[in-house]
């Protein structure tokens, strides 16, 4: 057993059951060790959780940066739509994204301030990364001349937030319905005249 195996088991448990629904005994059981063995690596559940949380946050930021780098030359319409699809697919296939969303919406009460400070930093970083892309699209006349780029970026992140809510609560059918409708009206509002 390694520290990395412990973090992976904890990640999967936290992603599926949240902080409160996960015990050190569950994590130990998942990798076939005694609970006491975990304390060789971590002082307790909070330390393990925060290490997993911080690593996942870095992975999620790296993924967003990677998506932007690979897709920034595409039309703004396909870039933004695929950005939403990218998050949907990551949620369906990736424990990091499931964990990140669950904890962003349901942080442990006693760690709320620490968790939310990082969640807001992540959201601010995403906005900082997307705004120049929106600005470039506006300069290239891919967007309506009537929009304010900062507001259009914030509104896009509002669409993404709505998609996140359906990922957590709605299931695939509701998610797809919300994604289709939200994207349709968002794009109609920002597309060129």
N, C-alpha and C. Protein backbone atom coordinates (compact mmCIF):
# COMPACT_ATOMS: atom_id res chain seq x y z
N UNK A 1 0.83 -1.18 0.00
CA UNK A 1 0.00 0.00 0.00
C UNK A 1 0.88 1.25 0.00
N UNK A 2 0.47 2.23 -0.80
CA UNK A 2 1.21 3.48 -0.86
C UNK A 2 0.29 4.65 -0.50
N UNK A 3 0.89 5.78 -0.27
CA UNK A 3 0.13 6.98 0.01
C UNK A 3 -0.78 7.32 -1.19
N UNK A 4 -0.27 7.11 -2.40
CA UNK A 4 -1.06 7.40 -3.59
C UNK A 4 -2.30 6.49 -3.67
N UNK A 5 -2.15 5.23 -3.33
CA UNK A 5 -3.30 4.31 -3.32
C UNK A 5 -4.36 4.78 -2.32
N UNK A 6 -3.91 5.24 -1.17
CA UNK A 6 -4.84 5.77 -0.18
C UNK A 6 -5.61 6.97 -0.71
N UNK A 7 -4.88 7.88 -1.36
CA UNK A 7 -5.53 9.08 -1.91
C UNK A 7 -6.52 8.71 -3.01
N UNK A 8 -6.17 7.74 -3.83
CA UNK A 8 -7.09 7.31 -4.90
C UNK A 8 -8.35 6.67 -4.32
N UNK A 9 -8.18 5.85 -3.31
CA UNK A 9 -9.35 5.23 -2.67
C UNK A 9 -10.22 6.29 -2.00
N UNK A 10 -9.57 7.25 -1.34
CA UNK A 10 -10.31 8.33 -0.69
C UNK A 10 -11.04 9.18 -1.73
N UNK A 11 -10.38 9.49 -2.83
CA UNK A 11 -11.00 10.26 -3.90
C UNK A 11 -12.28 9.59 -4.39
N UNK A 12 -12.20 8.31 -4.66
CA UNK A 12 -13.37 7.59 -5.15
C UNK A 12 -14.50 7.58 -4.12
N UNK A 13 -14.16 7.38 -2.86
CA UNK A 13 -15.18 7.39 -1.80
C UNK A 13 -15.81 8.78 -1.65
N UNK A 14 -14.96 9.81 -1.57
CA UNK A 14 -15.48 11.18 -1.42
C UNK A 14 -16.33 11.58 -2.63
N UNK A 15 -15.92 11.16 -3.82
CA UNK A 15 -16.68 11.49 -5.03
C UNK A 15 -18.07 10.87 -5.01
N UNK A 16 -18.16 9.66 -4.52
CA UNK A 16 -19.46 8.95 -4.52
C UNK A 16 -20.32 9.25 -3.29
N UNK A 17 -19.67 9.45 -2.14
CA UNK A 17 -20.43 9.54 -0.89
C UNK A 17 -20.24 10.85 -0.13
N UNK A 18 -19.39 11.73 -0.64
CA UNK A 18 -19.13 12.99 0.05
C UNK A 18 -18.25 12.79 1.27
N UNK A 19 -17.94 13.90 1.91
CA UNK A 19 -17.09 13.85 3.09
C UNK A 19 -17.79 13.09 4.23
N UNK A 20 -19.03 13.47 4.51
CA UNK A 20 -19.73 12.88 5.65
C UNK A 20 -20.07 11.41 5.45
N UNK A 21 -20.23 11.00 4.20
CA UNK A 21 -20.57 9.61 3.91
C UNK A 21 -19.37 8.69 3.77
N UNK A 22 -18.20 9.23 4.04
CA UNK A 22 -16.96 8.46 3.91
C UNK A 22 -16.27 8.37 5.26
N UNK A 23 -15.85 7.17 5.62
CA UNK A 23 -15.08 7.00 6.86
C UNK A 23 -13.71 6.45 6.51
N UNK A 24 -12.81 6.59 7.43
CA UNK A 24 -11.47 6.02 7.24
C UNK A 24 -11.58 4.50 7.12
N UNK A 25 -12.53 3.90 7.82
CA UNK A 25 -12.72 2.45 7.73
C UNK A 25 -13.14 2.04 6.31
N UNK A 26 -14.01 2.84 5.68
CA UNK A 26 -14.40 2.55 4.29
C UNK A 26 -13.19 2.59 3.36
N UNK A 27 -12.37 3.61 3.53
CA UNK A 27 -11.19 3.77 2.67
C UNK A 27 -10.25 2.59 2.87
N UNK A 28 -10.01 2.23 4.12
CA UNK A 28 -9.13 1.10 4.42
C UNK A 28 -9.67 -0.18 3.82
N UNK A 29 -10.96 -0.39 3.97
CA UNK A 29 -11.61 -1.58 3.43
C UNK A 29 -11.45 -1.67 1.91
N UNK A 30 -11.57 -0.51 1.24
CA UNK A 30 -11.47 -0.48 -0.22
C UNK A 30 -10.10 -0.94 -0.73
N UNK A 31 -9.07 -0.73 0.07
CA UNK A 31 -7.74 -1.16 -0.39
C UNK A 31 -7.19 -2.35 0.41
N UNK A 32 -8.03 -2.90 1.28
CA UNK A 32 -7.66 -4.14 1.95
C UNK A 32 -6.63 -3.99 3.06
N UNK A 33 -6.74 -2.90 3.82
CA UNK A 33 -5.82 -2.71 4.95
C UNK A 33 -6.64 -2.43 6.21
N UNK A 34 -5.97 -2.39 7.33
CA UNK A 34 -6.62 -2.00 8.58
C UNK A 34 -6.63 -0.48 8.66
N UNK A 35 -7.68 0.05 9.25
CA UNK A 35 -7.84 1.50 9.35
C UNK A 35 -6.62 2.18 9.97
N UNK A 36 -6.03 1.54 10.96
CA UNK A 36 -4.88 2.13 11.67
C UNK A 36 -3.70 2.39 10.72
N UNK A 37 -3.60 1.61 9.65
CA UNK A 37 -2.48 1.77 8.71
C UNK A 37 -2.53 3.11 7.99
N UNK A 38 -3.70 3.67 7.85
CA UNK A 38 -3.84 4.97 7.17
C UNK A 38 -3.09 6.05 7.95
N UNK A 39 -3.08 5.93 9.27
CA UNK A 39 -2.48 6.96 10.11
C UNK A 39 -0.95 6.99 10.01
N UNK A 40 -0.38 6.04 9.32
CA UNK A 40 1.05 6.09 9.01
C UNK A 40 1.31 7.25 8.05
N UNK A 41 0.34 7.56 7.20
CA UNK A 41 0.49 8.57 6.16
C UNK A 41 -0.25 9.87 6.44
N UNK A 42 -1.37 9.77 7.14
CA UNK A 42 -2.22 10.94 7.36
C UNK A 42 -2.65 11.00 8.83
N UNK A 43 -2.67 12.22 9.39
CA UNK A 43 -3.07 12.40 10.79
C UNK A 43 -4.53 12.04 11.00
N UNK A 44 -5.33 12.28 9.97
CA UNK A 44 -6.75 12.00 10.10
C UNK A 44 -7.47 12.25 8.79
N UNK A 45 -8.77 12.13 8.85
CA UNK A 45 -9.61 12.27 7.68
C UNK A 45 -9.50 13.66 7.04
N UNK A 46 -9.42 14.71 7.86
CA UNK A 46 -9.32 16.06 7.31
C UNK A 46 -8.05 16.24 6.49
N UNK A 47 -6.94 15.77 7.02
CA UNK A 47 -5.67 15.91 6.28
C UNK A 47 -5.73 15.15 4.95
N UNK A 48 -6.25 13.95 4.97
CA UNK A 48 -6.40 13.15 3.76
C UNK A 48 -7.33 13.86 2.77
N UNK A 49 -8.47 14.31 3.25
CA UNK A 49 -9.42 15.01 2.40
C UNK A 49 -8.79 16.24 1.76
N UNK A 50 -8.12 17.07 2.54
CA UNK A 50 -7.55 18.31 2.01
C UNK A 50 -6.44 18.05 0.99
N UNK A 51 -5.66 17.00 1.20
CA UNK A 51 -4.65 16.66 0.20
C UNK A 51 -5.31 16.25 -1.11
N UNK A 52 -6.32 15.42 -1.02
CA UNK A 52 -7.05 15.00 -2.21
C UNK A 52 -7.69 16.22 -2.87
N UNK A 53 -8.34 17.05 -2.09
CA UNK A 53 -9.01 18.24 -2.61
C UNK A 53 -8.04 19.14 -3.37
N UNK A 54 -6.89 19.43 -2.76
CA UNK A 54 -5.92 20.32 -3.40
C UNK A 54 -5.36 19.72 -4.69
N UNK A 55 -5.11 18.42 -4.70
CA UNK A 55 -4.61 17.78 -5.92
C UNK A 55 -5.67 17.79 -7.02
N UNK A 56 -6.90 17.53 -6.65
CA UNK A 56 -7.99 17.54 -7.63
C UNK A 56 -8.17 18.94 -8.20
N UNK A 57 -8.10 19.96 -7.36
CA UNK A 57 -8.24 21.33 -7.85
C UNK A 57 -7.17 21.63 -8.89
N UNK A 58 -5.94 21.25 -8.61
CA UNK A 58 -4.85 21.47 -9.57
C UNK A 58 -5.10 20.70 -10.87
N UNK A 59 -5.58 19.46 -10.75
CA UNK A 59 -5.89 18.67 -11.95
C UNK A 59 -6.99 19.31 -12.77
N UNK A 60 -8.01 19.84 -12.11
CA UNK A 60 -9.12 20.46 -12.82
C UNK A 60 -8.66 21.74 -13.53
N UNK A 61 -7.83 22.53 -12.88
CA UNK A 61 -7.29 23.74 -13.53
C UNK A 61 -6.43 23.35 -14.72
N UNK A 62 -5.57 22.35 -14.54
CA UNK A 62 -4.72 21.88 -15.63
C UNK A 62 -5.55 21.41 -16.82
N UNK A 63 -6.65 20.73 -16.53
CA UNK A 63 -7.53 20.25 -17.60
C UNK A 63 -8.17 21.41 -18.36
N UNK A 64 -8.64 22.42 -17.63
CA UNK A 64 -9.23 23.59 -18.28
C UNK A 64 -8.19 24.30 -19.15
N UNK A 65 -7.00 24.49 -18.61
CA UNK A 65 -5.92 25.14 -19.38
C UNK A 65 -5.60 24.32 -20.62
N UNK A 66 -5.53 23.01 -20.47
CA UNK A 66 -5.25 22.13 -21.61
C UNK A 66 -6.33 22.22 -22.68
N UNK A 67 -7.59 22.24 -22.25
CA UNK A 67 -8.68 22.37 -23.22
C UNK A 67 -8.56 23.69 -23.97
N UNK A 68 -8.32 24.76 -23.25
CA UNK A 68 -8.20 26.08 -23.88
C UNK A 68 -7.05 26.10 -24.87
N UNK A 69 -5.90 25.59 -24.47
CA UNK A 69 -4.74 25.59 -25.36
C UNK A 69 -5.00 24.80 -26.64
N UNK A 70 -5.68 23.69 -26.52
CA UNK A 70 -5.93 22.83 -27.69
C UNK A 70 -7.03 23.36 -28.59
N UNK A 71 -7.89 24.23 -28.07
CA UNK A 71 -9.09 24.63 -28.82
C UNK A 71 -9.24 26.12 -29.05
N UNK A 72 -8.31 26.93 -28.62
CA UNK A 72 -8.50 28.38 -28.65
C UNK A 72 -8.56 28.98 -30.06
N UNK A 73 -8.12 28.26 -31.07
CA UNK A 73 -8.17 28.80 -32.43
C UNK A 73 -9.48 28.48 -33.15
N UNK A 74 -10.34 27.70 -32.53
CA UNK A 74 -11.62 27.35 -33.14
C UNK A 74 -12.58 28.53 -33.07
N UNK A 75 -13.68 28.43 -33.80
CA UNK A 75 -14.70 29.47 -33.71
C UNK A 75 -15.20 29.52 -32.27
N UNK A 76 -15.63 30.70 -31.85
CA UNK A 76 -16.09 30.84 -30.47
C UNK A 76 -17.32 29.98 -30.21
N UNK A 77 -18.18 29.82 -31.19
CA UNK A 77 -19.37 28.99 -31.01
C UNK A 77 -18.99 27.55 -30.70
N UNK A 78 -18.12 26.96 -31.50
CA UNK A 78 -17.75 25.56 -31.25
C UNK A 78 -16.88 25.44 -30.00
N UNK A 79 -16.04 26.44 -29.75
CA UNK A 79 -15.20 26.41 -28.55
C UNK A 79 -16.07 26.37 -27.29
N UNK A 80 -17.02 27.30 -27.17
CA UNK A 80 -17.84 27.39 -25.97
C UNK A 80 -18.73 26.16 -25.79
N UNK A 81 -19.36 25.73 -26.89
CA UNK A 81 -20.22 24.55 -26.79
C UNK A 81 -19.41 23.32 -26.36
N UNK A 82 -18.26 23.13 -26.99
CA UNK A 82 -17.43 21.98 -26.64
C UNK A 82 -16.84 22.09 -25.24
N UNK A 83 -16.68 23.30 -24.74
CA UNK A 83 -16.24 23.49 -23.36
C UNK A 83 -17.29 22.91 -22.40
N UNK A 84 -18.56 23.14 -22.71
CA UNK A 84 -19.63 22.55 -21.90
C UNK A 84 -19.64 21.03 -22.02
N UNK A 85 -19.53 20.54 -23.24
CA UNK A 85 -19.52 19.09 -23.48
C UNK A 85 -18.31 18.44 -22.78
N UNK A 86 -17.17 19.12 -22.84
CA UNK A 86 -15.96 18.63 -22.18
C UNK A 86 -16.22 18.40 -20.69
N UNK A 87 -16.87 19.34 -20.03
CA UNK A 87 -17.17 19.18 -18.60
C UNK A 87 -18.17 18.06 -18.36
N UNK A 88 -19.16 17.97 -19.21
CA UNK A 88 -20.15 16.88 -19.09
C UNK A 88 -19.45 15.53 -19.20
N UNK A 89 -18.60 15.37 -20.20
CA UNK A 89 -17.90 14.09 -20.40
C UNK A 89 -16.94 13.80 -19.27
N UNK A 90 -16.25 14.81 -18.77
CA UNK A 90 -15.35 14.58 -17.63
C UNK A 90 -16.14 14.11 -16.42
N UNK A 91 -17.29 14.69 -16.18
CA UNK A 91 -18.10 14.27 -15.04
C UNK A 91 -18.53 12.81 -15.20
N UNK A 92 -18.88 12.42 -16.40
CA UNK A 92 -19.33 11.06 -16.65
C UNK A 92 -18.20 10.04 -16.53
N UNK A 93 -16.96 10.46 -16.75
CA UNK A 93 -15.86 9.52 -16.88
C UNK A 93 -14.74 9.68 -15.86
N UNK A 94 -14.78 10.72 -15.03
CA UNK A 94 -13.60 11.04 -14.25
C UNK A 94 -13.95 11.28 -12.78
N UNK A 95 -13.32 10.55 -11.89
CA UNK A 95 -13.58 10.69 -10.45
C UNK A 95 -13.16 12.07 -9.94
N UNK A 96 -12.10 12.65 -10.52
CA UNK A 96 -11.68 13.99 -10.09
C UNK A 96 -12.82 14.99 -10.25
N UNK A 97 -13.45 14.98 -11.42
CA UNK A 97 -14.51 15.95 -11.69
C UNK A 97 -15.72 15.68 -10.82
N UNK A 98 -16.07 14.42 -10.61
CA UNK A 98 -17.19 14.10 -9.72
C UNK A 98 -16.90 14.61 -8.30
N UNK A 99 -15.71 14.34 -7.83
CA UNK A 99 -15.31 14.80 -6.50
C UNK A 99 -15.38 16.32 -6.44
N UNK A 100 -14.78 16.99 -7.43
CA UNK A 100 -14.70 18.45 -7.44
C UNK A 100 -16.10 19.08 -7.37
N UNK A 101 -17.01 18.58 -8.19
CA UNK A 101 -18.36 19.15 -8.18
C UNK A 101 -19.09 18.88 -6.88
N UNK A 102 -19.01 17.65 -6.41
CA UNK A 102 -19.71 17.31 -5.16
C UNK A 102 -19.22 18.19 -4.02
N UNK A 103 -17.91 18.33 -3.90
CA UNK A 103 -17.36 19.09 -2.78
C UNK A 103 -17.58 20.59 -2.97
N UNK A 104 -17.60 21.06 -4.21
CA UNK A 104 -17.87 22.49 -4.46
C UNK A 104 -19.28 22.86 -4.02
N UNK A 105 -20.22 21.95 -4.21
CA UNK A 105 -21.60 22.22 -3.83
C UNK A 105 -21.90 21.81 -2.39
N UNK A 106 -21.19 20.81 -1.90
CA UNK A 106 -21.45 20.29 -0.55
C UNK A 106 -20.14 20.16 0.23
N UNK A 107 -19.50 21.28 0.56
CA UNK A 107 -18.24 21.18 1.32
C UNK A 107 -18.52 20.74 2.76
N UNK A 108 -17.56 20.06 3.37
CA UNK A 108 -17.73 19.72 4.79
C UNK A 108 -17.90 21.01 5.60
N UNK A 109 -18.88 21.04 6.48
CA UNK A 109 -19.20 22.27 7.22
C UNK A 109 -18.00 22.84 7.96
N UNK A 110 -17.23 21.99 8.61
CA UNK A 110 -16.11 22.49 9.40
C UNK A 110 -14.91 22.92 8.54
N UNK A 111 -14.91 22.58 7.26
CA UNK A 111 -13.85 23.00 6.34
C UNK A 111 -14.37 23.97 5.28
N UNK A 112 -15.57 24.47 5.51
CA UNK A 112 -16.26 25.29 4.50
C UNK A 112 -15.39 26.44 3.99
N UNK A 113 -14.84 27.25 4.88
CA UNK A 113 -14.08 28.43 4.46
C UNK A 113 -12.87 28.04 3.62
N UNK A 114 -12.15 27.03 4.05
CA UNK A 114 -10.96 26.60 3.33
C UNK A 114 -11.31 26.04 1.95
N UNK A 115 -12.34 25.24 1.88
CA UNK A 115 -12.77 24.65 0.61
C UNK A 115 -13.28 25.74 -0.33
N UNK A 116 -14.16 26.59 0.16
CA UNK A 116 -14.78 27.58 -0.72
C UNK A 116 -13.79 28.64 -1.18
N UNK A 117 -12.78 28.93 -0.38
CA UNK A 117 -11.73 29.86 -0.83
C UNK A 117 -11.09 29.32 -2.10
N UNK A 118 -10.83 28.03 -2.13
CA UNK A 118 -10.21 27.41 -3.31
C UNK A 118 -11.21 27.25 -4.46
N UNK A 119 -12.45 26.96 -4.16
CA UNK A 119 -13.47 26.86 -5.21
C UNK A 119 -13.61 28.21 -5.91
N UNK A 120 -13.68 29.29 -5.14
CA UNK A 120 -13.81 30.62 -5.75
C UNK A 120 -12.55 30.99 -6.52
N UNK A 121 -11.38 30.58 -6.04
CA UNK A 121 -10.14 30.83 -6.78
C UNK A 121 -10.17 30.10 -8.12
N UNK A 122 -10.67 28.87 -8.12
CA UNK A 122 -10.81 28.09 -9.35
C UNK A 122 -11.77 28.79 -10.32
N UNK A 123 -12.91 29.22 -9.83
CA UNK A 123 -13.89 29.89 -10.69
C UNK A 123 -13.34 31.20 -11.24
N UNK A 124 -12.64 31.96 -10.41
CA UNK A 124 -12.01 33.20 -10.88
C UNK A 124 -10.96 32.92 -11.94
N UNK A 125 -10.19 31.86 -11.74
CA UNK A 125 -9.17 31.48 -12.73
C UNK A 125 -9.83 31.11 -14.05
N UNK A 126 -10.93 30.35 -14.00
CA UNK A 126 -11.62 29.97 -15.21
C UNK A 126 -12.12 31.22 -15.95
N UNK A 127 -12.68 32.15 -15.21
CA UNK A 127 -13.16 33.39 -15.82
C UNK A 127 -12.00 34.17 -16.45
N UNK A 128 -10.87 34.24 -15.74
CA UNK A 128 -9.69 34.93 -16.26
C UNK A 128 -9.17 34.28 -17.54
N UNK A 129 -9.29 32.96 -17.64
CA UNK A 129 -8.83 32.25 -18.83
C UNK A 129 -9.79 32.41 -20.01
N UNK A 130 -11.08 32.47 -19.72
CA UNK A 130 -12.08 32.54 -20.79
C UNK A 130 -12.27 33.96 -21.33
N UNK A 131 -12.11 34.95 -20.49
CA UNK A 131 -12.40 36.32 -20.93
C UNK A 131 -11.56 36.76 -22.13
N UNK A 132 -10.25 36.49 -22.18
CA UNK A 132 -9.48 36.90 -23.37
C UNK A 132 -9.95 36.20 -24.65
N UNK A 133 -10.44 34.99 -24.52
CA UNK A 133 -10.94 34.26 -25.69
C UNK A 133 -12.22 34.93 -26.19
N UNK A 134 -13.07 35.33 -25.25
CA UNK A 134 -14.28 36.05 -25.61
C UNK A 134 -13.93 37.42 -26.21
N UNK A 135 -12.95 38.07 -25.65
CA UNK A 135 -12.50 39.38 -26.16
C UNK A 135 -12.01 39.25 -27.60
N UNK A 136 -11.21 38.24 -27.85
CA UNK A 136 -10.70 38.00 -29.21
C UNK A 136 -11.85 37.72 -30.17
N UNK A 137 -12.80 36.91 -29.75
CA UNK A 137 -13.96 36.61 -30.60
C UNK A 137 -14.76 37.87 -30.89
N UNK A 138 -14.90 38.73 -29.90
CA UNK A 138 -15.61 40.00 -30.12
C UNK A 138 -14.85 40.87 -31.11
N UNK A 139 -13.52 40.94 -30.96
CA UNK A 139 -12.69 41.72 -31.89
C UNK A 139 -12.79 41.19 -33.31
N UNK A 140 -12.95 39.87 -33.43
CA UNK A 140 -13.05 39.24 -34.76
C UNK A 140 -14.49 39.24 -35.28
N UNK A 141 -15.38 39.92 -34.56
CA UNK A 141 -16.80 40.03 -34.97
C UNK A 141 -17.52 38.68 -35.00
N UNK A 142 -17.09 37.74 -34.14
CA UNK A 142 -17.81 36.46 -34.01
C UNK A 142 -18.96 36.58 -33.02
N UNK A 143 -18.98 37.67 -32.27
CA UNK A 143 -20.02 37.90 -31.27
C UNK A 143 -20.76 39.19 -31.60
N UNK A 144 -21.92 39.33 -31.03
CA UNK A 144 -22.71 40.54 -31.23
C UNK A 144 -21.92 41.76 -30.77
N UNK A 145 -22.06 42.83 -31.51
CA UNK A 145 -21.41 44.08 -31.14
C UNK A 145 -22.09 44.72 -29.94
N UNK A 146 -23.24 44.23 -29.56
CA UNK A 146 -24.02 44.81 -28.46
C UNK A 146 -23.66 44.22 -27.10
N UNK A 147 -22.83 43.18 -27.08
CA UNK A 147 -22.56 42.53 -25.79
C UNK A 147 -21.36 43.15 -25.09
N UNK A 148 -21.37 43.01 -23.79
CA UNK A 148 -20.22 43.33 -22.96
C UNK A 148 -19.48 42.01 -22.70
N UNK A 149 -18.22 41.96 -23.05
CA UNK A 149 -17.46 40.70 -22.97
C UNK A 149 -17.42 40.14 -21.54
N UNK A 150 -17.23 41.00 -20.56
CA UNK A 150 -17.18 40.51 -19.18
C UNK A 150 -18.51 39.89 -18.77
N UNK A 151 -19.59 40.54 -19.11
CA UNK A 151 -20.91 40.00 -18.77
C UNK A 151 -21.19 38.73 -19.55
N UNK A 152 -20.79 38.68 -20.82
CA UNK A 152 -21.01 37.47 -21.63
C UNK A 152 -20.22 36.29 -21.06
N UNK A 153 -19.01 36.56 -20.56
CA UNK A 153 -18.20 35.51 -19.94
C UNK A 153 -18.85 35.03 -18.65
N UNK A 154 -19.29 35.98 -17.82
CA UNK A 154 -19.96 35.62 -16.57
C UNK A 154 -21.25 34.84 -16.85
N UNK A 155 -21.99 35.25 -17.87
CA UNK A 155 -23.22 34.54 -18.23
C UNK A 155 -22.92 33.12 -18.71
N UNK A 156 -21.84 32.96 -19.47
CA UNK A 156 -21.45 31.62 -19.91
C UNK A 156 -21.14 30.73 -18.72
N UNK A 157 -20.44 31.28 -17.74
CA UNK A 157 -20.15 30.50 -16.54
C UNK A 157 -21.43 30.19 -15.76
N UNK A 158 -22.43 31.04 -15.87
CA UNK A 158 -23.74 30.74 -15.29
C UNK A 158 -24.39 29.55 -15.99
N UNK A 159 -24.24 29.47 -17.31
CA UNK A 159 -24.74 28.30 -18.06
C UNK A 159 -24.01 27.05 -17.56
N UNK A 160 -22.69 27.16 -17.43
CA UNK A 160 -21.90 26.02 -16.95
C UNK A 160 -22.35 25.61 -15.54
N UNK A 161 -22.63 26.58 -14.68
CA UNK A 161 -23.12 26.27 -13.33
C UNK A 161 -24.43 25.50 -13.39
N UNK A 162 -25.33 25.91 -14.29
CA UNK A 162 -26.59 25.20 -14.44
C UNK A 162 -26.38 23.76 -14.88
N UNK A 163 -25.41 23.55 -15.75
CA UNK A 163 -25.06 22.20 -16.21
C UNK A 163 -24.50 21.39 -15.03
N UNK A 164 -23.66 22.04 -14.22
CA UNK A 164 -23.12 21.35 -13.04
C UNK A 164 -24.24 20.89 -12.11
N UNK A 165 -25.23 21.73 -11.89
CA UNK A 165 -26.34 21.37 -11.02
C UNK A 165 -27.05 20.13 -11.55
N UNK A 166 -27.31 20.10 -12.85
CA UNK A 166 -27.97 18.92 -13.44
C UNK A 166 -27.09 17.68 -13.38
N UNK A 167 -25.77 17.85 -13.47
CA UNK A 167 -24.87 16.71 -13.32
C UNK A 167 -25.06 16.07 -11.95
N UNK A 168 -25.18 16.91 -10.93
CA UNK A 168 -25.30 16.42 -9.57
C UNK A 168 -26.70 15.90 -9.23
N UNK A 169 -27.72 16.57 -9.74
CA UNK A 169 -29.08 16.27 -9.31
C UNK A 169 -29.97 15.61 -10.36
N UNK A 170 -29.77 15.93 -11.63
CA UNK A 170 -30.79 15.63 -12.61
C UNK A 170 -30.68 14.33 -13.36
N UNK A 171 -29.50 13.82 -13.51
CA UNK A 171 -29.32 12.63 -14.34
C UNK A 171 -29.15 12.99 -15.81
N UNK A 172 -28.78 12.01 -16.62
CA UNK A 172 -28.42 12.27 -18.02
C UNK A 172 -29.52 12.93 -18.86
N UNK A 173 -30.75 12.49 -18.72
CA UNK A 173 -31.82 13.04 -19.55
C UNK A 173 -32.06 14.52 -19.23
N UNK A 174 -32.17 14.83 -17.96
CA UNK A 174 -32.37 16.23 -17.57
C UNK A 174 -31.15 17.07 -17.92
N UNK A 175 -29.97 16.51 -17.74
CA UNK A 175 -28.74 17.22 -18.08
C UNK A 175 -28.72 17.59 -19.56
N UNK A 176 -29.02 16.63 -20.42
CA UNK A 176 -29.00 16.90 -21.85
C UNK A 176 -30.05 17.93 -22.25
N UNK A 177 -31.22 17.86 -21.64
CA UNK A 177 -32.28 18.83 -21.91
C UNK A 177 -31.84 20.23 -21.48
N UNK A 178 -31.29 20.35 -20.28
CA UNK A 178 -30.83 21.65 -19.77
C UNK A 178 -29.68 22.18 -20.61
N UNK A 179 -28.76 21.33 -20.98
CA UNK A 179 -27.62 21.74 -21.81
C UNK A 179 -28.10 22.28 -23.14
N UNK A 180 -28.99 21.55 -23.80
CA UNK A 180 -29.50 21.98 -25.11
C UNK A 180 -30.21 23.33 -25.01
N UNK A 181 -31.12 23.48 -24.06
CA UNK A 181 -31.89 24.72 -23.95
C UNK A 181 -31.01 25.90 -23.52
N UNK A 182 -30.16 25.68 -22.53
CA UNK A 182 -29.30 26.75 -22.04
C UNK A 182 -28.35 27.23 -23.13
N UNK A 183 -27.75 26.29 -23.82
CA UNK A 183 -26.82 26.66 -24.88
C UNK A 183 -27.56 27.41 -25.99
N UNK A 184 -28.71 26.93 -26.40
CA UNK A 184 -29.47 27.55 -27.48
C UNK A 184 -29.72 29.03 -27.19
N UNK A 185 -30.23 29.32 -26.00
CA UNK A 185 -30.58 30.71 -25.70
C UNK A 185 -29.35 31.56 -25.36
N UNK A 186 -28.35 30.95 -24.75
CA UNK A 186 -27.13 31.71 -24.52
C UNK A 186 -26.53 32.13 -25.86
N UNK A 187 -26.38 31.19 -26.76
CA UNK A 187 -25.75 31.51 -28.04
C UNK A 187 -26.57 32.53 -28.84
N UNK A 188 -27.87 32.41 -28.80
CA UNK A 188 -28.72 33.41 -29.49
C UNK A 188 -28.47 34.80 -28.92
N UNK A 189 -28.21 34.86 -27.64
CA UNK A 189 -28.00 36.18 -27.00
C UNK A 189 -26.67 36.81 -27.29
N UNK A 190 -25.65 36.02 -27.56
CA UNK A 190 -24.30 36.60 -27.76
C UNK A 190 -23.82 36.53 -29.21
N UNK A 191 -24.48 35.77 -30.05
CA UNK A 191 -23.97 35.60 -31.42
C UNK A 191 -24.11 36.90 -32.20
N UNK A 192 -23.33 36.98 -33.27
CA UNK A 192 -23.29 38.24 -34.02
C UNK A 192 -24.66 38.57 -34.58
N UNK A 193 -24.86 39.88 -34.75
CA UNK A 193 -26.17 40.42 -35.17
C UNK A 193 -26.63 39.84 -36.49
